C-alpha atoms as a PDB file:
ATOM      1  CA  MET A   1      82.373 105.215 126.753  1.00  0.00           C
ATOM      2  CA  THR A   2      83.825 102.058 124.276  1.00  0.00           C
ATOM      3  CA  LYS A   3      87.474 102.115 124.183  1.00  0.00           C
ATOM      4  CA  ARG A   4      86.653 102.357 120.354  1.00  0.00           C
ATOM      5  CA  ASN A   5      84.249 105.368 120.959  1.00  0.00           C
ATOM      6  CA  ALA A   6      87.121 107.115 122.865  1.00  0.00           C
ATOM      7  CA  ARG A   7      89.807 106.721 120.236  1.00  0.00           C
ATOM      8  CA  ASP A   8      87.383 109.323 117.788  1.00  0.00           C
ATOM      9  CA  GLU A   9      87.027 111.150 120.453  1.00  0.00           C
ATOM     10  CA  THR A  10      91.153 111.619 120.933  1.00  0.00           C
ATOM     11  CA  THR A  11      90.944 111.289 117.318  1.00  0.00           C
ATOM     12  CA  THR A  12      88.905 114.634 116.375  1.00  0.00           C
ATOM     13  CA  LYS A  13      90.620 116.383 118.517  1.00  0.00           C
ATOM     14  CA  THR A  14      93.353 115.204 117.407  1.00  0.00           C
ATOM     15  CA  ASN A  15      92.481 116.608 113.556  1.00  0.00           C
ATOM     16  CA  ASP A  16      91.078 119.728 115.126  1.00  0.00           C
ATOM     17  CA  GLU A  17      94.080 121.016 116.519  1.00  0.00           C
ATOM     18  CA  LEU A  18      97.036 119.301 114.851  1.00  0.00           C
ATOM     19  CA  PRO A  19      96.233 121.767 111.606  1.00  0.00           C
ATOM     20  CA  GLU A  20      96.598 124.958 113.138  1.00  0.00           C
ATOM     21  CA  LEU A  21      99.846 124.233 114.786  1.00  0.00           C
ATOM     22  CA  LEU A  22     101.500 122.940 111.527  1.00  0.00           C
ATOM     23  CA  ARG A  23     100.261 126.138 110.274  1.00  0.00           C
ATOM     24  CA  GLU A  24     101.849 127.725 113.226  1.00  0.00           C
ATOM     25  CA  LEU A  25     105.121 125.900 112.741  1.00  0.00           C
ATOM     26  CA  ALA A  26     105.221 127.079 108.774  1.00  0.00           C
ATOM     27  CA  SER A  27     104.784 130.877 109.955  1.00  0.00           C
ATOM     28  CA  CYS A  28     108.166 130.572 112.057  1.00  0.00           C
ATOM     29  CA  GLY A  29     110.179 129.210 109.351  1.00  0.00           C
ATOM     30  CA  HIS A  30     109.696 125.728 110.375  1.00  0.00           C
ATOM     31  CA  HIS A  31     111.668 126.193 113.433  1.00  0.00           C
ATOM     32  CA  GLY A  32     110.581 123.566 116.729  1.00  0.00           C
ATOM     33  CA  ALA A  33     112.148 126.207 119.271  1.00  0.00           C
ATOM     34  CA  ARG A  34     110.772 129.079 117.838  1.00  0.00           C
ATOM     35  CA  LEU A  35     106.888 127.229 117.603  1.00  0.00           C
ATOM     36  CA  LEU A  36     107.657 126.642 121.569  1.00  0.00           C
ATOM     37  CA  GLU A  37     108.068 129.579 122.341  1.00  0.00           C
ATOM     38  CA  ARG A  38     104.983 130.991 120.543  1.00  0.00           C
ATOM     39  CA  THR A  39     102.521 128.278 121.627  1.00  0.00           C
ATOM     40  CA  GLY A  40     103.711 127.462 124.691  1.00  0.00           C
ATOM     41  CA  LEU A  41     105.154 123.803 126.663  1.00  0.00           C
ATOM     42  CA  PRO A  42     104.686 122.478 130.538  1.00  0.00           C
ATOM     43  CA  ARG A  43     107.684 122.861 131.812  1.00  0.00           C
ATOM     44  CA  TRP A  44     106.711 119.425 133.649  1.00  0.00           C
ATOM     45  CA  SER A  45     107.344 117.818 129.676  1.00  0.00           C
ATOM     46  CA  LEU A  46     110.267 119.017 129.190  1.00  0.00           C
ATOM     47  CA  PRO A  47     112.737 115.941 130.761  1.00  0.00           C
ATOM     48  CA  VAL A  48     110.460 113.552 128.539  1.00  0.00           C
ATOM     49  CA  LEU A  49     111.276 115.771 125.415  1.00  0.00           C
ATOM     50  CA  PHE A  50     114.788 115.941 126.468  1.00  0.00           C
ATOM     51  CA  GLU A  51     114.978 112.097 126.827  1.00  0.00           C
ATOM     52  CA  LEU A  52     113.303 111.507 123.700  1.00  0.00           C
ATOM     53  CA  MET A  53     115.649 114.584 122.083  1.00  0.00           C
ATOM     54  CA  GLY A  54     118.557 112.262 122.945  1.00  0.00           C
ATOM     55  CA  TYR A  55     117.201 109.293 121.259  1.00  0.00           C
ATOM     56  CA  VAL A  56     116.344 110.748 118.090  1.00  0.00           C
ATOM     57  CA  ALA A  57     119.905 112.689 118.098  1.00  0.00           C
ATOM     58  CA  LYS A  58     121.820 109.533 118.723  1.00  0.00           C
ATOM     59  CA  ALA A  59     120.328 107.586 115.667  1.00  0.00           C
ATOM     60  CA  GLU A  60     123.099 108.314 113.790  1.00  0.00           C
ATOM     61  CA  GLY A  61     125.587 106.882 116.085  1.00  0.00           C
ATOM     62  CA  ARG A  62     126.596 110.068 117.272  1.00  0.00           C
ATOM     63  CA  VAL A  63     124.860 113.937 118.473  1.00  0.00           C
ATOM     64  CA  THR A  64     126.254 116.528 116.559  1.00  0.00           C
ATOM     65  CA  GLU A  65     127.075 120.005 117.230  1.00  0.00           C
ATOM     66  CA  LEU A  66     123.823 121.402 115.251  1.00  0.00           C
ATOM     67  CA  ASP A  67     121.790 118.710 117.625  1.00  0.00           C
ATOM     68  CA  ILE A  68     123.385 120.756 121.527  1.00  0.00           C
ATOM     69  CA  ARG A  69     122.903 124.517 119.702  1.00  0.00           C
ATOM     70  CA  TYR A  70     119.047 123.285 118.995  1.00  0.00           C
ATOM     71  CA  CYS A  71     119.243 122.029 122.759  1.00  0.00           C
ATOM     72  CA  GLU A  72     120.469 125.486 123.957  1.00  0.00           C
ATOM     73  CA  SER A  73     117.957 127.067 122.635  1.00  0.00           C
ATOM     74  CA  LEU A  74     115.360 125.790 123.726  1.00  0.00           C
ATOM     75  CA  MET A  75     117.239 125.664 127.468  1.00  0.00           C
ATOM     76  CA  ARG A  76     117.060 129.386 126.521  1.00  0.00           C
ATOM     77  CA  ASN A  77     113.687 130.293 125.244  1.00  0.00           C
ATOM     78  CA  PHE A  78     112.212 128.604 128.265  1.00  0.00           C
ATOM     79  CA  GLY A  79     114.451 130.778 130.354  1.00  0.00           C
ATOM     80  CA  CYS A  80     115.896 127.254 132.387  1.00  0.00           C
ATOM     81  CA  SER A  81     118.126 127.699 135.516  1.00  0.00           C
ATOM     82  CA  PRO A  82     121.173 126.266 135.403  1.00  0.00           C
ATOM     83  CA  ARG A  83     120.087 123.453 138.142  1.00  0.00           C
ATOM     84  CA  GLN A  84     117.110 122.642 135.728  1.00  0.00           C
ATOM     85  CA  ARG A  85     119.293 122.754 131.995  1.00  0.00           C
ATOM     86  CA  ARG A  86     121.569 120.643 134.228  1.00  0.00           C
ATOM     87  CA  ARG A  87     118.954 117.929 135.006  1.00  0.00           C
ATOM     88  CA  LEU A  88     117.689 118.280 130.679  1.00  0.00           C
ATOM     89  CA  ILE A  89     121.014 117.912 130.306  1.00  0.00           C
ATOM     90  CA  ARG A  90     121.138 114.220 132.029  1.00  0.00           C
ATOM     91  CA  ARG A  91     118.024 113.358 130.849  1.00  0.00           C
ATOM     92  CA  PHE A  92     119.355 114.302 127.163  1.00  0.00           C
ATOM     93  CA  SER A  93     122.858 111.953 127.628  1.00  0.00           C
ATOM     94  CA  VAL A  94     120.381 108.820 129.199  1.00  0.00           C
ATOM     95  CA  GLY A  95     117.653 109.264 125.804  1.00  0.00           C
ATOM     96  CA  LYS A  96     121.282 108.807 124.165  1.00  0.00           C
ATOM     97  CA  ARG A  97     121.292 105.360 125.740  1.00  0.00           C
ATOM     98  CA  ASP A  98     117.615 104.291 125.095  1.00  0.00           C
ATOM     99  CA  GLN A  99     117.276 102.111 122.742  1.00  0.00           C
ATOM    100  CA  GLU A 100     113.346 102.401 122.897  1.00  0.00           C
ATOM    101  CA  PRO A 101     111.791 105.258 123.334  1.00  0.00           C
ATOM    102  CA  VAL A 102     110.487 105.872 126.690  1.00  0.00           C
ATOM    103  CA  VAL A 103     107.391 107.839 127.728  1.00  0.00           C
ATOM    104  CA  PRO A 104     105.648 107.467 131.008  1.00  0.00           C
ATOM    105  CA  LEU A 105     102.236 105.956 131.120  1.00  0.00           C
ATOM    106  CA  TRP A 106     100.454 109.457 132.531  1.00  0.00           C
ATOM    107  CA  LEU A 107     101.213 111.029 129.650  1.00  0.00           C
ATOM    108  CA  ARG A 108     100.183 108.449 126.993  1.00  0.00           C
ATOM    109  CA  ILE A 109      97.177 108.556 129.016  1.00  0.00           C
ATOM    110  CA  LEU A 110      96.826 112.532 129.001  1.00  0.00           C
ATOM    111  CA  THR A 111      97.523 112.730 125.076  1.00  0.00           C
ATOM    112  CA  ARG A 112      94.840 110.129 125.208  1.00  0.00           C
ATOM    113  CA  ARG A 113      92.390 113.401 126.448  1.00  0.00           C
ATOM    114  CA  TRP A 114      94.701 116.365 125.532  1.00  0.00           C
ATOM    115  CA  PRO A 115      96.650 115.729 122.390  1.00  0.00           C
ATOM    116  CA  GLY A 116      98.280 118.882 122.205  1.00  0.00           C
ATOM    117  CA  THR A 117     101.659 119.003 124.271  1.00  0.00           C
ATOM    118  CA  ALA A 118     102.190 115.668 122.569  1.00  0.00           C
ATOM    119  CA  GLN A 119     101.693 117.923 119.088  1.00  0.00           C
ATOM    120  CA  ARG A 120     104.104 119.854 120.266  1.00  0.00           C
ATOM    121  CA  LEU A 121     106.975 117.662 121.575  1.00  0.00           C
ATOM    122  CA  SER A 122     106.594 115.524 118.185  1.00  0.00           C
ATOM    123  CA  ILE A 123     107.321 118.862 116.227  1.00  0.00           C
ATOM    124  CA  ALA A 124     109.813 119.539 118.454  1.00  0.00           C
ATOM    125  CA  LEU A 125     111.442 116.040 117.857  1.00  0.00           C
ATOM    126  CA  ALA A 126     110.939 116.625 114.354  1.00  0.00           C
ATOM    127  CA  HIS A 127     113.124 119.093 114.282  1.00  0.00           C
ATOM    128  CA  LEU A 128     116.769 117.205 114.912  1.00  0.00           C
ATOM    129  CA  CYS A 129     115.721 115.605 111.443  1.00  0.00           C
ATOM    130  CA  TYR A 130     115.335 118.751 109.544  1.00  0.00           C
ATOM    131  CA  LEU A 131     118.599 120.397 111.641  1.00  0.00           C
ATOM    132  CA  ASP A 132     120.792 120.423 108.255  1.00  0.00           C
ATOM    133  CA  GLY A 133     117.967 120.649 105.367  1.00  0.00           C
ATOM    134  CA  PRO A 134     117.180 116.841 103.979  1.00  0.00           C
ATOM    135  CA  HIS A 135     115.892 114.694 106.511  1.00  0.00           C
ATOM    136  CA  SER A 136     118.271 111.802 108.222  1.00  0.00           C
ATOM    137  CA  PRO A 137     116.227 108.444 107.280  1.00  0.00           C
ATOM    138  CA  ALA A 138     117.443 107.125 110.677  1.00  0.00           C
ATOM    139  CA  ARG A 139     116.528 109.772 112.637  1.00  0.00           C
ATOM    140  CA  SER A 140     112.744 109.895 111.239  1.00  0.00           C
ATOM    141  CA  ALA A 141     111.977 106.323 111.942  1.00  0.00           C
ATOM    142  CA  ARG A 142     113.146 107.272 115.591  1.00  0.00           C
ATOM    143  CA  CYS A 143     110.878 110.169 115.378  1.00  0.00           C
ATOM    144  CA  GLN A 144     108.234 107.883 114.354  1.00  0.00           C
ATOM    145  CA  ASN A 145     109.333 105.880 117.189  1.00  0.00           C
ATOM    146  CA  ALA A 146     108.986 108.079 119.041  1.00  0.00           C
ATOM    147  CA  ILE A 147     105.674 110.178 118.305  1.00  0.00           C
ATOM    148  CA  LEU A 148     103.699 106.734 118.448  1.00  0.00           C
ATOM    149  CA  ALA A 149     105.092 105.747 122.081  1.00  0.00           C
ATOM    150  CA  LEU A 150     103.882 109.312 123.105  1.00  0.00           C
ATOM    151  CA  GLY A 151     100.082 108.402 122.272  1.00  0.00           C
ATOM    152  CA  LEU A 152      99.806 109.733 119.570  1.00  0.00           C
ATOM    153  CA  PRO A 153      98.320 108.105 116.034  1.00  0.00           C
ATOM    154  CA  ALA A 154     100.845 107.090 113.033  1.00  0.00           C
ATOM    155  CA  ALA A 155      98.604 109.827 111.149  1.00  0.00           C
ATOM    156  CA  ASP A 156     100.029 112.290 113.437  1.00  0.00           C
ATOM    157  CA  GLY A 157     103.580 111.798 112.709  1.00  0.00           C
ATOM    158  CA  ASN A 158     102.979 110.912 109.230  1.00  0.00           C
ATOM    159  CA  ARG A 159     101.673 114.822 108.765  1.00  0.00           C
ATOM    160  CA  ILE A 160     104.428 116.803 111.086  1.00  0.00           C
ATOM    161  CA  MET A 161     107.168 115.141 109.030  1.00  0.00           C
ATOM    162  CA  HIS A 162     105.210 116.102 105.407  1.00  0.00           C
ATOM    163  CA  SER A 163     105.265 119.374 106.787  1.00  0.00           C
ATOM    164  CA  TYR A 164     109.140 118.977 107.143  1.00  0.00           C
ATOM    165  CA  ARG A 165     109.351 117.006 103.702  1.00  0.00           C
ATOM    166  CA  SER A 166     107.506 119.451 101.821  1.00  0.00           C
ATOM    167  CA  LYS A 167     109.577 122.648 103.067  1.00  0.00           C
ATOM    168  CA  ILE A 168     112.069 123.833  99.256  1.00  0.00           C
ATOM    169  CA  TRP A 169     116.103 122.853 101.321  1.00  0.00           C
ATOM    170  CA  ILE A 170     117.056 122.976  97.176  1.00  0.00           C
ATOM    171  CA  THR A 171     117.364 126.134  95.630  1.00  0.00           C
ATOM    172  CA  SER A 172     120.346 126.806  93.095  1.00  0.00           C
ATOM    173  CA  PRO A 173     124.051 126.073  92.398  1.00  0.00           C
ATOM    174  CA  ASN A 174     126.522 128.434  94.277  1.00  0.00           C
ATOM    175  CA  GLU A 175     129.122 130.080  91.481  1.00  0.00           C
ATOM    176  CA  GLY A 176     131.204 127.769  89.665  1.00  0.00           C
ATOM    177  CA  ASP A 177     129.714 124.952  91.365  1.00  0.00           C
ATOM    178  CA  SER A 178     127.554 121.941  90.253  1.00  0.00           C
ATOM    179  CA  GLU A 179     126.183 120.946  93.345  1.00  0.00           C
ATOM    180  CA  PRO A 180     123.128 122.637  94.272  1.00  0.00           C
ATOM    181  CA  LEU A 181     122.209 124.551  97.482  1.00  0.00           C
ATOM    182  CA  THR A 182     121.024 121.689 100.210  1.00  0.00           C
ATOM    183  CA  GLY A 183     120.876 122.410 104.207  1.00  0.00           C
ATOM    184  CA  LEU A 184     122.455 124.757 106.451  1.00  0.00           C
ATOM    185  CA  ALA A 185     126.592 124.105 106.623  1.00  0.00           C
ATOM    186  CA  ARG A 186     125.578 124.659 102.397  1.00  0.00           C
ATOM    187  CA  ALA A 187     123.796 128.050 102.695  1.00  0.00           C
ATOM    188  CA  CYS A 188     126.848 129.062 105.407  1.00  0.00           C
ATOM    189  CA  GLN A 189     129.265 128.632 102.572  1.00  0.00           C
ATOM    190  CA  VAL A 190     127.286 130.339  99.868  1.00  0.00           C
ATOM    191  CA  VAL A 191     126.898 134.071 102.370  1.00  0.00           C
ATOM    192  CA  GLY A 192     130.976 133.477 103.148  1.00  0.00           C
ATOM    193  CA  GLY A 193     130.762 132.013 106.411  1.00  0.00           C
ATOM    194  CA  LYS A 194     130.816 128.681 108.236  1.00  0.00           C
ATOM    195  CA  GLN A 195     128.506 126.100 109.427  1.00  0.00           C
ATOM    196  CA  SER A 196     130.047 126.762 112.955  1.00  0.00           C
ATOM    197  CA  ASP A 197     130.074 130.266 113.067  1.00  0.00           C
ATOM    198  CA  SER A 198     127.315 132.434 115.129  1.00  0.00           C
ATOM    199  CA  LEU A 199     124.257 134.030 113.190  1.00  0.00           C
ATOM    200  CA  GLU A 200     125.961 137.648 114.016  1.00  0.00           C
ATOM    201  CA  ALA A 201     129.172 136.202 112.294  1.00  0.00           C
ATOM    202  CA  LEU A 202     127.066 134.636 109.420  1.00  0.00           C
ATOM    203  CA  ARG A 203     125.089 138.098 109.122  1.00  0.00           C
ATOM    204  CA  GLN A 204     128.046 140.203 108.896  1.00  0.00           C
ATOM    205  CA  ALA A 205     129.241 137.703 106.425  1.00  0.00           C
ATOM    206  CA  TYR A 206     126.024 137.905 104.059  1.00  0.00           C
ATOM    207  CA  ARG A 207     126.187 141.582 103.998  1.00  0.00           C
ATOM    208  CA  LYS A 208     129.625 141.808 102.775  1.00  0.00           C
ATOM    209  CA  LYS A 209     128.946 139.065 100.129  1.00  0.00           C
ATOM    210  CA  ARG A 210     125.576 140.304  99.087  1.00  0.00           C
ATOM    211  CA  SER A 211     127.158 144.741  99.048  1.00  0.00           C
ATOM    212  CA  LEU A 212     129.745 142.558  95.951  1.00  0.00           C
ATOM    213  CA  TYR A 213     126.899 142.075  93.858  1.00  0.00           C
ATOM    214  CA  HIS A 214     124.739 145.234  94.584  1.00  0.00           C
ATOM    215  CA  PRO A 215     123.386 147.009  91.520  1.00  0.00           C
ATOM    216  CA  ASP A 216     124.522 150.448  92.146  1.00  0.00           C
ATOM    217  CA  ARG A 217     128.263 148.719  92.913  1.00  0.00           C
ATOM    218  CA  VAL A 218     127.809 146.160  89.809  1.00  0.00           C
ATOM    219  CA  GLU A 219     127.591 149.419  87.817  1.00  0.00           C
ATOM    220  CA  HIS A 220     130.672 150.611  88.454  1.00  0.00           C
ATOM    221  CA  THR A 221     132.653 146.916  87.215  1.00  0.00           C
ATOM    222  CA  ASP A 222     132.492 144.907  84.022  1.00  0.00           C
ATOM    223  CA  MET A 223     130.027 142.270  85.866  1.00  0.00           C
ATOM    224  CA  ASP A 224     127.321 140.940  83.935  1.00  0.00           C
ATOM    225  CA  PRO A 225     124.455 142.788  85.465  1.00  0.00           C
ATOM    226  CA  GLN A 226     122.266 139.620  85.216  1.00  0.00           C
ATOM    227  CA  LEU A 227     124.849 136.991  86.756  1.00  0.00           C
ATOM    228  CA  ALA A 228     124.835 140.046  89.414  1.00  0.00           C
ATOM    229  CA  ARG A 229     121.270 139.363  89.866  1.00  0.00           C
ATOM    230  CA  THR A 230     121.538 135.191  89.977  1.00  0.00           C
ATOM    231  CA  ARG A 231     124.452 135.970  92.518  1.00  0.00           C
ATOM    232  CA  LEU A 232     122.682 138.297  94.725  1.00  0.00           C
ATOM    233  CA  GLU A 233     119.352 136.037  94.293  1.00  0.00           C
ATOM    234  CA  GLU A 234     121.070 132.787  95.030  1.00  0.00           C
ATOM    235  CA  ILE A 235     122.800 134.435  98.491  1.00  0.00           C
ATOM    236  CA  HIS A 236     119.275 135.864  99.722  1.00  0.00           C
ATOM    237  CA  LYS A 237     118.102 132.413  99.612  1.00  0.00           C
ATOM    238  CA  ALA A 238     121.270 131.413 101.509  1.00  0.00           C
ATOM    239  CA  TRP A 239     120.227 134.008 104.286  1.00  0.00           C
ATOM    240  CA  ASP A 240     116.628 132.790 103.955  1.00  0.00           C
ATOM    241  CA  LEU A 241     117.715 129.207 104.791  1.00  0.00           C
ATOM    242  CA  ILE A 242     120.086 130.133 107.131  1.00  0.00           C
ATOM    243  CA  ASN A 243     117.344 132.113 109.020  1.00  0.00           C
ATOM    244  CA  ARG A 244     115.125 129.303 109.610  1.00  0.00           C
ATOM    245  CA  ARG A 245     117.032 126.840 110.381  1.00  0.00           C
ATOM    246  CA  HIS A 246     120.198 128.167 112.560  1.00  0.00           C
ATOM    247  CA  PRO A 247     120.047 127.082 116.124  1.00  0.00           C
ATOM    248  CA  GLU A 248     120.720 131.213 117.047  1.00  0.00           C
ATOM    249  CA  ALA A 249     117.590 131.985 114.454  1.00  0.00           C
END
């Protein structure tokens, strides 16, 4: 088989598998950890994933709390032992020092024949670019480099990133504010919490805030019913965003 035919075969396999993965990604709210929990990922690929995650997360000079919590959710979903966790954390730290994405040659060769694992890794990396809503250009650039290093064509990287970009991250303004609701931090503020709060704490805040604008309660107050419906819709949209983007979701 010629090199050109080999590339054509790889492209065909990629096109066959990626659309189904992207549909599955949409069904789980574009949450990378949920996708991997549903579709699985070979254990041997986790060290590569965590090193690449460190590379992408350090694109803007520092790793955020959301990055750490996302890593924690991945390790939790895969049931990593304390020893495995220490190993993956070390690989993440190595990735933070990398100036270029580091991928073993054998994985690149494997990707040519079975691209599914590389596609799952790429989706998990793309999630890092959208942890707080709108994408980070610096992270996106590093993510695209990592996807190419995994041996996938640039078209696959574009489709994965476009899948995230096509989601609606912006809803309507919050009460008394001119700025639109955008990103996890803003959504947490709308429900009455903070981005650093646990998912359970945010759930309790959401329920409390929601009850303030419930029609049965509004009926016995002087609040404008139309305004109450608008506020309630904003709170529901904020909770939906939190439930899709919070690392513990």
